[in-house]
Amino acid sequence: MSEQKDTYYIDVGTGGIYQSATASTWSFKIEATDEEIHQLRSLMDSNYLNEWGNFFRAHVPYVQYHYDRQNDAYDSTIQQIYAMIYQLGDQEAKTHIESMDILPLQ
């Protein structure tokens, strides 16, 4: 017996996950179980924390972007978020993410 999937609307920029298409602006429509949505929320929260770390690191001029673990963590997490949206998303979401060329070739 499989878990029920519900429709969610995702805004990666704000970290928003909504159950109503009219609640806020959104970029991607997905179908996800409760467990999948909790996993996506966890990734979004982690990404938010990485953004704050990057903000503070930006004020340390001697640390270059490509030597910064916080930027690496952000890049990894954002890629995981888009991979999950790609897996759970509708065809429009998949097409948009493919056009972004953010995921490794499968």
PDB file of N, CA and C in Angstrom:
ATOM      1  N   MET A   1       0.837  -1.187   0.000  1.00  0.00           N
ATOM      2  CA  MET A   1       0.000   0.000   0.000  1.00  0.00           C
ATOM      3  C   MET A   1       0.881   1.248   0.000  1.00  0.00           C
ATOM      4  N   SER A   2       0.710   2.111  -0.960  1.00  0.00           N
ATOM      5  CA  SER A   2       1.536   3.309  -1.065  1.00  0.00           C
ATOM      6  C   SER A   2       0.896   4.478  -0.322  1.00  0.00           C
ATOM      7  N   GLU A   3       1.770   5.359   0.139  1.00  0.00           N
ATOM      8  CA  GLU A   3       1.300   6.556   0.839  1.00  0.00           C
ATOM      9  C   GLU A   3       0.636   7.502  -0.154  1.00  0.00           C
ATOM     10  N   GLN A   4      -0.349   8.233   0.339  1.00  0.00           N
ATOM     11  CA  GLN A   4      -1.046   9.206  -0.499  1.00  0.00           C
ATOM     12  C   GLN A   4      -0.130  10.394  -0.807  1.00  0.00           C
ATOM     13  N   LYS A   5      -0.208  10.840  -2.040  1.00  0.00           N
ATOM     14  CA  LYS A   5       0.546  12.021  -2.452  1.00  0.00           C
ATOM     15  C   LYS A   5      -0.417  13.189  -2.580  1.00  0.00           C
ATOM     16  N   ASP A   6       0.047  14.337  -2.124  1.00  0.00           N
ATOM     17  CA  ASP A   6      -0.723  15.571  -2.238  1.00  0.00           C
ATOM     18  C   ASP A   6       0.018  16.536  -3.148  1.00  0.00           C
ATOM     19  N   THR A   7      -0.700  17.524  -3.657  1.00  0.00           N
ATOM     20  CA  THR A   7      -0.112  18.540  -4.524  1.00  0.00           C
ATOM     21  C   THR A   7       0.448  19.667  -3.674  1.00  0.00           C
ATOM     22  N   TYR A   8       1.663  20.082  -4.028  1.00  0.00           N
ATOM     23  CA  TYR A   8       2.326  21.204  -3.354  1.00  0.00           C
ATOM     24  C   TYR A   8       2.887  22.135  -4.418  1.00  0.00           C
ATOM     25  N   TYR A   9       3.020  23.386  -4.039  1.00  0.00           N
ATOM     26  CA  TYR A   9       3.561  24.420  -4.917  1.00  0.00           C
ATOM     27  C   TYR A   9       4.812  24.977  -4.248  1.00  0.00           C
ATOM     28  N   ILE A  10       5.910  25.001  -5.001  1.00  0.00           N
ATOM     29  CA  ILE A  10       7.225  25.277  -4.438  1.00  0.00           C
ATOM     30  C   ILE A  10       7.807  26.568  -5.009  1.00  0.00           C
ATOM     31  N   ASP A  11       8.378  27.374  -4.107  1.00  0.00           N
ATOM     32  CA  ASP A  11       9.166  28.548  -4.500  1.00  0.00           C
ATOM     33  C   ASP A  11      10.549  28.378  -3.889  1.00  0.00           C
ATOM     34  N   VAL A  12      11.511  27.973  -4.685  1.00  0.00           N
ATOM     35  CA  VAL A  12      12.858  27.703  -4.197  1.00  0.00           C
ATOM     36  C   VAL A  12      13.505  28.972  -3.644  1.00  0.00           C
ATOM     37  N   GLY A  13      13.277  30.101  -4.280  1.00  0.00           N
ATOM     38  CA  GLY A  13      13.901  31.358  -3.856  1.00  0.00           C
ATOM     39  C   GLY A  13      13.577  31.752  -2.427  1.00  0.00           C
ATOM     40  N   THR A  14      12.330  31.559  -2.021  1.00  0.00           N
ATOM     41  CA  THR A  14      11.924  31.921  -0.662  1.00  0.00           C
ATOM     42  C   THR A  14      11.899  30.716   0.268  1.00  0.00           C
ATOM     43  N   GLY A  15      12.032  29.523  -0.301  1.00  0.00           N
ATOM     44  CA  GLY A  15      11.916  28.311   0.510  1.00  0.00           C
ATOM     45  C   GLY A  15      10.473  27.955   0.799  1.00  0.00           C
ATOM     46  N   GLY A  16       9.552  28.530   0.051  1.00  0.00           N
ATOM     47  CA  GLY A  16       8.131  28.316   0.301  1.00  0.00           C
ATOM     48  C   GLY A  16       7.619  26.992  -0.236  1.00  0.00           C
ATOM     49  N   ILE A  17       6.812  26.319   0.592  1.00  0.00           N
ATOM     50  CA  ILE A  17       6.118  25.097   0.208  1.00  0.00           C
ATOM     51  C   ILE A  17       4.652  25.317   0.569  1.00  0.00           C
ATOM     52  N   TYR A  18       3.778  25.341  -0.436  1.00  0.00           N
ATOM     53  CA  TYR A  18       2.375  25.688  -0.225  1.00  0.00           C
ATOM     54  C   TYR A  18       1.464  24.584  -0.733  1.00  0.00           C
ATOM     55  N   GLN A  19       0.305  24.463  -0.116  1.00  0.00           N
ATOM     56  CA  GLN A  19      -0.690  23.503  -0.592  1.00  0.00           C
ATOM     57  C   GLN A  19      -1.746  24.179  -1.460  1.00  0.00           C
ATOM     58  N   SER A  20      -1.686  25.490  -1.555  1.00  0.00           N
ATOM     59  CA  SER A  20      -2.630  26.239  -2.377  1.00  0.00           C
ATOM     60  C   SER A  20      -1.868  27.000  -3.450  1.00  0.00           C
ATOM     61  N   ALA A  21      -2.354  26.907  -4.671  1.00  0.00           N
ATOM     62  CA  ALA A  21      -1.704  27.603  -5.784  1.00  0.00           C
ATOM     63  C   ALA A  21      -1.840  29.114  -5.659  1.00  0.00           C
ATOM     64  N   THR A  22      -2.796  29.580  -4.861  1.00  0.00           N
ATOM     65  CA  THR A  22      -3.031  31.014  -4.734  1.00  0.00           C
ATOM     66  C   THR A  22      -2.457  31.590  -3.444  1.00  0.00           C
ATOM     67  N   ALA A  23      -1.820  30.765  -2.618  1.00  0.00           N
ATOM     68  CA  ALA A  23      -1.278  31.231  -1.330  1.00  0.00           C
ATOM     69  C   ALA A  23      -0.127  32.204  -1.514  1.00  0.00           C
ATOM     70  N   SER A  24       0.664  32.013  -2.546  1.00  0.00           N
ATOM     71  CA  SER A  24       1.837  32.846  -2.789  1.00  0.00           C
ATOM     72  C   SER A  24       2.325  32.546  -4.207  1.00  0.00           C
ATOM     73  N   THR A  25       3.343  33.271  -4.615  1.00  0.00           N
ATOM     74  CA  THR A  25       3.936  32.954  -5.919  1.00  0.00           C
ATOM     75  C   THR A  25       4.707  31.645  -5.790  1.00  0.00           C
ATOM     76  N   TRP A  26       4.739  30.883  -6.839  1.00  0.00           N
ATOM     77  CA  TRP A  26       5.443  29.605  -6.831  1.00  0.00           C
ATOM     78  C   TRP A  26       6.007  29.342  -8.217  1.00  0.00           C
ATOM     79  N   SER A  27       6.985  28.433  -8.263  1.00  0.00           N
ATOM     80  CA  SER A  27       7.640  28.117  -9.524  1.00  0.00           C
ATOM     81  C   SER A  27       7.407  26.690  -9.994  1.00  0.00           C
ATOM     82  N   PHE A  28       7.193  25.770  -9.031  1.00  0.00           N
ATOM     83  CA  PHE A  28       7.098  24.356  -9.380  1.00  0.00           C
ATOM     84  C   PHE A  28       5.910  23.701  -8.687  1.00  0.00           C
ATOM     85  N   LYS A  29       5.246  22.809  -9.416  1.00  0.00           N
ATOM     86  CA  LYS A  29       4.140  22.018  -8.871  1.00  0.00           C
ATOM     87  C   LYS A  29       4.632  20.575  -8.735  1.00  0.00           C
ATOM     88  N   ILE A  30       4.456  20.007  -7.535  1.00  0.00           N
ATOM     89  CA  ILE A  30       4.899  18.638  -7.292  1.00  0.00           C
ATOM     90  C   ILE A  30       3.786  17.824  -6.638  1.00  0.00           C
ATOM     91  N   GLU A  31       3.950  16.523  -6.662  1.00  0.00           N
ATOM     92  CA  GLU A  31       3.097  15.581  -5.936  1.00  0.00           C
ATOM     93  C   GLU A  31       4.022  14.856  -4.967  1.00  0.00           C
ATOM     94  N   ALA A  32       3.736  14.943  -3.656  1.00  0.00           N
ATOM     95  CA  ALA A  32       4.634  14.366  -2.662  1.00  0.00           C
ATOM     96  C   ALA A  32       3.873  13.778  -1.485  1.00  0.00           C
ATOM     97  N   THR A  33       4.484  12.772  -0.867  1.00  0.00           N
ATOM     98  CA  THR A  33       3.952  12.200   0.369  1.00  0.00           C
ATOM     99  C   THR A  33       4.367  13.114   1.519  1.00  0.00           C
ATOM    100  N   ASP A  34       3.809  12.865   2.695  1.00  0.00           N
ATOM    101  CA  ASP A  34       4.212  13.636   3.881  1.00  0.00           C
ATOM    102  C   ASP A  34       5.706  13.498   4.140  1.00  0.00           C
ATOM    103  N   GLU A  35       6.217  12.295   4.008  1.00  0.00           N
ATOM    104  CA  GLU A  35       7.646  12.054   4.251  1.00  0.00           C
ATOM    105  C   GLU A  35       8.505  12.825   3.249  1.00  0.00           C
ATOM    106  N   GLU A  36       8.115  12.805   1.977  1.00  0.00           N
ATOM    107  CA  GLU A  36       8.881  13.520   0.950  1.00  0.00           C
ATOM    108  C   GLU A  36       8.857  15.026   1.196  1.00  0.00           C
ATOM    109  N   ILE A  37       7.710  15.547   1.636  1.00  0.00           N
ATOM    110  CA  ILE A  37       7.617  16.991   1.863  1.00  0.00           C
ATOM    111  C   ILE A  37       8.435  17.391   3.086  1.00  0.00           C
ATOM    112  N   HIS A  38       8.508  16.518   4.085  1.00  0.00           N
ATOM    113  CA  HIS A  38       9.362  16.792   5.250  1.00  0.00           C
ATOM    114  C   HIS A  38      10.833  16.800   4.841  1.00  0.00           C
ATOM    115  N   GLN A  39      11.212  15.889   3.959  1.00  0.00           N
ATOM    116  CA  GLN A  39      12.590  15.845   3.467  1.00  0.00           C
ATOM    117  C   GLN A  39      12.915  17.119   2.671  1.00  0.00           C
ATOM    118  N   LEU A  40      11.998  17.544   1.822  1.00  0.00           N
ATOM    119  CA  LEU A  40      12.209  18.772   1.052  1.00  0.00           C
ATOM    120  C   LEU A  40      12.299  19.980   1.984  1.00  0.00           C
ATOM    121  N   ARG A  41      11.438  20.036   3.003  1.00  0.00           N
ATOM    122  CA  ARG A  41      11.469  21.137   3.973  1.00  0.00           C
ATOM    123  C   ARG A  41      12.820  21.171   4.693  1.00  0.00           C
ATOM    124  N   SER A  42      13.333  20.011   5.053  1.00  0.00           N
ATOM    125  CA  SER A  42      14.630  19.925   5.720  1.00  0.00           C
ATOM    126  C   SER A  42      15.744  20.476   4.822  1.00  0.00           C
ATOM    127  N   LEU A  43      15.709  20.131   3.540  1.00  0.00           N
ATOM    128  CA  LEU A  43      16.701  20.653   2.592  1.00  0.00           C
ATOM    129  C   LEU A  43      16.572  22.175   2.447  1.00  0.00           C
ATOM    130  N   MET A  44      15.344  22.666   2.377  1.00  0.00           N
ATOM    131  CA  MET A  44      15.117  24.112   2.257  1.00  0.00           C
ATOM    132  C   MET A  44      15.648  24.838   3.497  1.00  0.00           C
ATOM    133  N   ASP A  45      15.382  24.271   4.688  1.00  0.00           N
ATOM    134  CA  ASP A  45      15.876  24.889   5.925  1.00  0.00           C
ATOM    135  C   ASP A  45      17.394  24.900   5.968  1.00  0.00           C
ATOM    136  N   SER A  46      18.002  23.804   5.548  1.00  0.00           N
ATOM    137  CA  SER A  46      19.462  23.721   5.505  1.00  0.00           C
ATOM    138  C   SER A  46      20.024  24.756   4.543  1.00  0.00           C
ATOM    139  N   ASN A  47      19.369  24.917   3.414  1.00  0.00           N
ATOM    140  CA  ASN A  47      19.802  25.898   2.420  1.00  0.00           C
ATOM    141  C   ASN A  47      19.727  27.315   2.981  1.00  0.00           C
ATOM    142  N   TYR A  48      18.673  27.598   3.737  1.00  0.00           N
ATOM    143  CA  TYR A  48      18.503  28.914   4.359  1.00  0.00           C
ATOM    144  C   TYR A  48      19.666  29.199   5.321  1.00  0.00           C
ATOM    145  N   LEU A  49      20.027  28.220   6.129  1.00  0.00           N
ATOM    146  CA  LEU A  49      21.144  28.390   7.065  1.00  0.00           C
ATOM    147  C   LEU A  49      22.461  28.601   6.314  1.00  0.00           C
ATOM    148  N   ASN A  50      22.645  27.866   5.221  1.00  0.00           N
ATOM    149  CA  ASN A  50      23.853  28.052   4.409  1.00  0.00           C
ATOM    150  C   ASN A  50      23.908  29.453   3.810  1.00  0.00           C
ATOM    151  N   GLU A  51      22.755  29.992   3.423  1.00  0.00           N
ATOM    152  CA  GLU A  51      22.722  31.355   2.876  1.00  0.00           C
ATOM    153  C   GLU A  51      23.198  32.375   3.908  1.00  0.00           C
ATOM    154  N   TRP A  52      22.773  32.211   5.155  1.00  0.00           N
ATOM    155  CA  TRP A  52      23.230  33.124   6.213  1.00  0.00           C
ATOM    156  C   TRP A  52      24.728  33.001   6.425  1.00  0.00           C
ATOM    157  N   GLY A  53      25.229  31.771   6.408  1.00  0.00           N
ATOM    158  CA  GLY A  53      26.673  31.582   6.538  1.00  0.00           C
ATOM    159  C   GLY A  53      27.419  32.241   5.413  1.00  0.00           C
ATOM    160  N   ASN A  54      26.879  32.163   4.206  1.00  0.00           N
ATOM    161  CA  ASN A  54      27.508  32.804   3.052  1.00  0.00           C
ATOM    162  C   ASN A  54      27.469  34.324   3.167  1.00  0.00           C
ATOM    163  N   PHE A  55      26.391  34.849   3.716  1.00  0.00           N
ATOM    164  CA  PHE A  55      26.283  36.292   3.912  1.00  0.00           C
ATOM    165  C   PHE A  55      27.402  36.787   4.818  1.00  0.00           C
ATOM    166  N   PHE A  56      27.605  36.092   5.930  1.00  0.00           N
ATOM    167  CA  PHE A  56      28.661  36.511   6.857  1.00  0.00           C
ATOM    168  C   PHE A  56      30.048  36.290   6.267  1.00  0.00           C
ATOM    169  N   ARG A  57      30.232  35.199   5.515  1.00  0.00           N
ATOM    170  CA  ARG A  57      31.516  34.933   4.876  1.00  0.00           C
ATOM    171  C   ARG A  57      31.840  36.001   3.843  1.00  0.00           C
ATOM    172  N   ALA A  58      30.834  36.552   3.218  1.00  0.00           N
ATOM    173  CA  ALA A  58      31.045  37.577   2.195  1.00  0.00           C
ATOM    174  C   ALA A  58      31.712  38.824   2.783  1.00  0.00           C
ATOM    175  N   HIS A  59      31.622  38.977   4.077  1.00  0.00           N
ATOM    176  CA  HIS A  59      32.237  40.131   4.734  1.00  0.00           C
ATOM    177  C   HIS A  59      33.649  39.850   5.215  1.00  0.00           C
ATOM    178  N   VAL A  60      34.190  38.692   4.814  1.00  0.00           N
ATOM    179  CA  VAL A  60      35.574  38.336   5.113  1.00  0.00           C
ATOM    180  C   VAL A  60      36.292  38.290   3.772  1.00  0.00           C
ATOM    181  N   PRO A  61      36.913  39.389   3.376  1.00  0.00           N
ATOM    182  CA  PRO A  61      37.411  39.511   1.999  1.00  0.00           C
ATOM    183  C   PRO A  61      38.529  38.538   1.623  1.00  0.00           C
ATOM    184  N   TYR A  62      39.248  37.986   2.569  1.00  0.00           N
ATOM    185  CA  TYR A  62      40.368  37.118   2.207  1.00  0.00           C
ATOM    186  C   TYR A  62      39.947  35.666   1.933  1.00  0.00           C
ATOM    187  N   VAL A  63      38.671  35.323   2.121  1.00  0.00           N
ATOM    188  CA  VAL A  63      38.196  33.974   1.794  1.00  0.00           C
ATOM    189  C   VAL A  63      37.515  34.036   0.429  1.00  0.00           C
ATOM    190  N   GLN A  64      38.105  33.384  -0.537  1.00  0.00           N
ATOM    191  CA  GLN A  64      37.552  33.401  -1.888  1.00  0.00           C
ATOM    192  C   GLN A  64      36.433  32.368  -2.013  1.00  0.00           C
ATOM    193  N   TYR A  65      35.479  32.651  -2.896  1.00  0.00           N
ATOM    194  CA  TYR A  65      34.291  31.805  -3.071  1.00  0.00           C
ATOM    195  C   TYR A  65      34.646  30.339  -3.281  1.00  0.00           C
ATOM    196  N   HIS A  66      35.576  30.073  -4.161  1.00  0.00           N
ATOM    197  CA  HIS A  66      35.864  28.685  -4.527  1.00  0.00           C
ATOM    198  C   HIS A  66      36.643  27.926  -3.458  1.00  0.00           C
ATOM    199  N   TYR A  67      37.031  28.586  -2.352  1.00  0.00           N
ATOM    200  CA  TYR A  67      37.688  27.909  -1.235  1.00  0.00           C
ATOM    201  C   TYR A  67      36.784  27.836  -0.009  1.00  0.00           C
ATOM    202  N   ASP A  68      35.527  28.066  -0.178  1.00  0.00           N
ATOM    203  CA  ASP A  68      34.624  28.195   0.962  1.00  0.00           C
ATOM    204  C   ASP A  68      33.687  26.997   1.081  1.00  0.00           C
ATOM    205  N   ARG A  69      33.769  26.281   2.212  1.00  0.00           N
ATOM    206  CA  ARG A  69      32.931  25.102   2.436  1.00  0.00           C
ATOM    207  C   ARG A  69      31.449  25.452   2.517  1.00  0.00           C
ATOM    208  N   GLN A  70      31.108  26.636   3.023  1.00  0.00           N
ATOM    209  CA  GLN A  70      29.699  27.015   3.118  1.00  0.00           C
ATOM    210  C   GLN A  70      29.080  27.163   1.726  1.00  0.00           C
ATOM    211  N   ASN A  71      29.844  27.709   0.792  1.00  0.00           N
ATOM    212  CA  ASN A  71      29.347  27.798  -0.581  1.00  0.00           C
ATOM    213  C   ASN A  71      29.197  26.408  -1.185  1.00  0.00           C
ATOM    214  N   ASP A  72      30.133  25.516  -0.884  1.00  0.00           N
ATOM    215  CA  ASP A  72      30.028  24.143  -1.379  1.00  0.00           C
ATOM    216  C   ASP A  72      28.770  23.478  -0.822  1.00  0.00           C
ATOM    217  N   ALA A  73      28.492  23.709   0.469  1.00  0.00           N
ATOM    218  CA  ALA A  73      27.298  23.135   1.097  1.00  0.00           C
ATOM    219  C   ALA A  73      26.045  23.691   0.445  1.00  0.00           C
ATOM    220  N   TYR A  74      26.017  24.998   0.182  1.00  0.00           N
ATOM    221  CA  TYR A  74      24.871  25.621  -0.478  1.00  0.00           C
ATOM    222  C   TYR A  74      24.664  25.003  -1.862  1.00  0.00           C
ATOM    223  N   ASP A  75      25.740  24.906  -2.631  1.00  0.00           N
ATOM    224  CA  ASP A  75      25.647  24.351  -3.985  1.00  0.00           C
ATOM    225  C   ASP A  75      25.127  22.919  -3.964  1.00  0.00           C
ATOM    226  N   SER A  76      25.612  22.114  -3.024  1.00  0.00           N
ATOM    227  CA  SER A  76      25.175  20.731  -2.908  1.00  0.00           C
ATOM    228  C   SER A  76      23.696  20.655  -2.524  1.00  0.00           C
ATOM    229  N   THR A  77      23.302  21.468  -1.554  1.00  0.00           N
ATOM    230  CA  THR A  77      21.917  21.434  -1.087  1.00  0.00           C
ATOM    231  C   THR A  77      20.961  21.915  -2.171  1.00  0.00           C
ATOM    232  N   ILE A  78      21.308  22.977  -2.880  1.00  0.00           N
ATOM    233  CA  ILE A  78      20.409  23.489  -3.921  1.00  0.00           C
ATOM    234  C   ILE A  78      20.254  22.446  -5.028  1.00  0.00           C
ATOM    235  N   GLN A  79      21.326  21.718  -5.312  1.00  0.00           N
ATOM    236  CA  GLN A  79      21.242  20.666  -6.322  1.00  0.00           C
ATOM    237  C   GLN A  79      20.323  19.534  -5.837  1.00  0.00           C
ATOM    238  N   GLN A  80      20.394  19.195  -4.543  1.00  0.00           N
ATOM    239  CA  GLN A  80      19.507  18.166  -3.984  1.00  0.00           C
ATOM    240  C   GLN A  80      18.047  18.624  -4.037  1.00  0.00           C
ATOM    241  N   ILE A  81      17.807  19.904  -3.763  1.00  0.00           N
ATOM    242  CA  ILE A  81      16.443  20.451  -3.818  1.00  0.00           C
ATOM    243  C   ILE A  81      15.884  20.327  -5.236  1.00  0.00           C
ATOM    244  N   TYR A  82      16.667  20.752  -6.217  1.00  0.00           N
ATOM    245  CA  TYR A  82      16.187  20.675  -7.599  1.00  0.00           C
ATOM    246  C   TYR A  82      16.027  19.225  -8.061  1.00  0.00           C
ATOM    247  N   ALA A  83      16.890  18.323  -7.594  1.00  0.00           N
ATOM    248  CA  ALA A  83      16.750  16.909  -7.950  1.00  0.00           C
ATOM    249  C   ALA A  83      15.447  16.350  -7.392  1.00  0.00           C
ATOM    250  N   MET A  84      15.121  16.736  -6.176  1.00  0.00           N
ATOM    251  CA  MET A  84      13.885  16.254  -5.561  1.00  0.00           C
ATOM    252  C   MET A  84      12.657  16.834  -6.269  1.00  0.00           C
ATOM    253  N   ILE A  85      12.706  18.121  -6.592  1.00  0.00           N
ATOM    254  CA  ILE A  85      11.596  18.740  -7.325  1.00  0.00           C
ATOM    255  C   ILE A  85      11.458  18.082  -8.701  1.00  0.00           C
ATOM    256  N   TYR A  86      12.579  17.790  -9.334  1.00  0.00           N
ATOM    257  CA  TYR A  86      12.544  17.122 -10.638  1.00  0.00           C
ATOM    258  C   TYR A  86      11.869  15.757 -10.518  1.00  0.00           C
ATOM    259  N   GLN A  87      12.236  15.002  -9.495  1.00  0.00           N
ATOM    260  CA  GLN A  87      11.675  13.663  -9.288  1.00  0.00           C
ATOM    261  C   GLN A  87      10.173  13.717  -9.014  1.00  0.00           C
ATOM    262  N   LEU A  88       9.728  14.702  -8.234  1.00  0.00           N
ATOM    263  CA  LEU A  88       8.332  14.765  -7.792  1.00  0.00           C
ATOM    264  C   LEU A  88       7.462  15.684  -8.652  1.00  0.00           C
ATOM    265  N   GLY A  89       8.094  16.470  -9.506  1.00  0.00           N
ATOM    266  CA  GLY A  89       7.388  17.511 -10.235  1.00  0.00           C
ATOM    267  C   GLY A  89       6.587  17.042 -11.424  1.00  0.00           C
ATOM    268  N   ASP A  90       5.714  17.941 -11.879  1.00  0.00           N
ATOM    269  CA  ASP A  90       4.953  17.678 -13.097  1.00  0.00           C
ATOM    270  C   ASP A  90       5.864  17.888 -14.308  1.00  0.00           C
ATOM    271  N   GLN A  91       5.339  17.662 -15.493  1.00  0.00           N
ATOM    272  CA  GLN A  91       6.171  17.764 -16.700  1.00  0.00           C
ATOM    273  C   GLN A  91       6.730  19.173 -16.885  1.00  0.00           C
ATOM    274  N   GLU A  92       5.963  20.181 -16.537  1.00  0.00           N
ATOM    275  CA  GLU A  92       6.440  21.564 -16.661  1.00  0.00           C
ATOM    276  C   GLU A  92       7.646  21.800 -15.742  1.00  0.00           C
ATOM    277  N   ALA A  93       7.595  21.265 -14.527  1.00  0.00           N
ATOM    278  CA  ALA A  93       8.723  21.397 -13.590  1.00  0.00           C
ATOM    279  C   ALA A  93       9.951  20.696 -14.150  1.00  0.00           C
ATOM    280  N   LYS A  94       9.760  19.485 -14.658  1.00  0.00           N
ATOM    281  CA  LYS A  94      10.879  18.720 -15.218  1.00  0.00           C
ATOM    282  C   LYS A  94      11.523  19.464 -16.386  1.00  0.00           C
ATOM    283  N   THR A  95      10.704  19.972 -17.285  1.00  0.00           N
ATOM    284  CA  THR A  95      11.208  20.688 -18.451  1.00  0.00           C
ATOM    285  C   THR A  95      11.988  21.934 -18.028  1.00  0.00           C
ATOM    286  N   HIS A  96      11.448  22.680 -17.053  1.00  0.00           N
ATOM    287  CA  HIS A  96      12.122  23.893 -16.594  1.00  0.00           C
ATOM    288  C   HIS A  96      13.474  23.562 -15.957  1.00  0.00           C
ATOM    289  N   ILE A  97      13.513  22.548 -15.103  1.00  0.00           N
ATOM    290  CA  ILE A  97      14.766  22.172 -14.436  1.00  0.00           C
ATOM    291  C   ILE A  97      15.784  21.662 -15.454  1.00  0.00           C
ATOM    292  N   GLU A  98      15.331  20.905 -16.450  1.00  0.00           N
ATOM    293  CA  GLU A  98      16.237  20.463 -17.510  1.00  0.00           C
ATOM    294  C   GLU A  98      16.834  21.667 -18.231  1.00  0.00           C
ATOM    295  N   SER A  99      16.032  22.702 -18.461  1.00  0.00           N
ATOM    296  CA  SER A  99      16.532  23.882 -19.167  1.00  0.00           C
ATOM    297  C   SER A  99      17.545  24.667 -18.331  1.00  0.00           C
ATOM    298  N   MET A 100      17.496  24.503 -17.010  1.00  0.00           N
ATOM    299  CA  MET A 100      18.447  25.178 -16.122  1.00  0.00           C
ATOM    300  C   MET A 100      19.830  24.534 -16.161  1.00  0.00           C
ATOM    301  N   ASP A 101      19.883  23.265 -16.583  1.00  0.00           N
ATOM    302  CA  ASP A 101      21.132  22.517 -16.667  1.00  0.00           C
ATOM    303  C   ASP A 101      21.874  22.500 -15.320  1.00  0.00           C
ATOM    304  N   ILE A 102      21.110  22.304 -14.239  1.00  0.00           N
ATOM    305  CA  ILE A 102      21.687  22.315 -12.900  1.00  0.00           C
ATOM    306  C   ILE A 102      21.988  20.913 -12.381  1.00  0.00           C
ATOM    307  N   LEU A 103      21.312  19.914 -12.932  1.00  0.00           N
ATOM    308  CA  LEU A 103      21.501  18.535 -12.463  1.00  0.00           C
ATOM    309  C   LEU A 103      22.485  17.801 -13.359  1.00  0.00           C
ATOM    310  N   PRO A 104      23.264  16.881 -12.752  1.00  0.00           N
ATOM    311  CA  PRO A 104      24.177  16.087 -13.577  1.00  0.00           C
ATOM    312  C   PRO A 104      23.393  15.205 -14.558  1.00  0.00           C
ATOM    313  N   LEU A 105      24.001  14.881 -15.650  1.00  0.00           N
ATOM    314  CA  LEU A 105      23.339  14.021 -16.644  1.00  0.00           C
ATOM    315  C   LEU A 105      23.085  12.666 -16.035  1.00  0.00           C
ATOM    316  N   GLN A 106      21.917  12.120 -16.326  1.00  0.00           N
ATOM    317  CA  GLN A 106      21.546  10.835 -15.738  1.00  0.00           C
ATOM    318  C   GLN A 106      21.785   9.709 -16.682  1.00  0.00           C
TER     319      GLN A 106
END
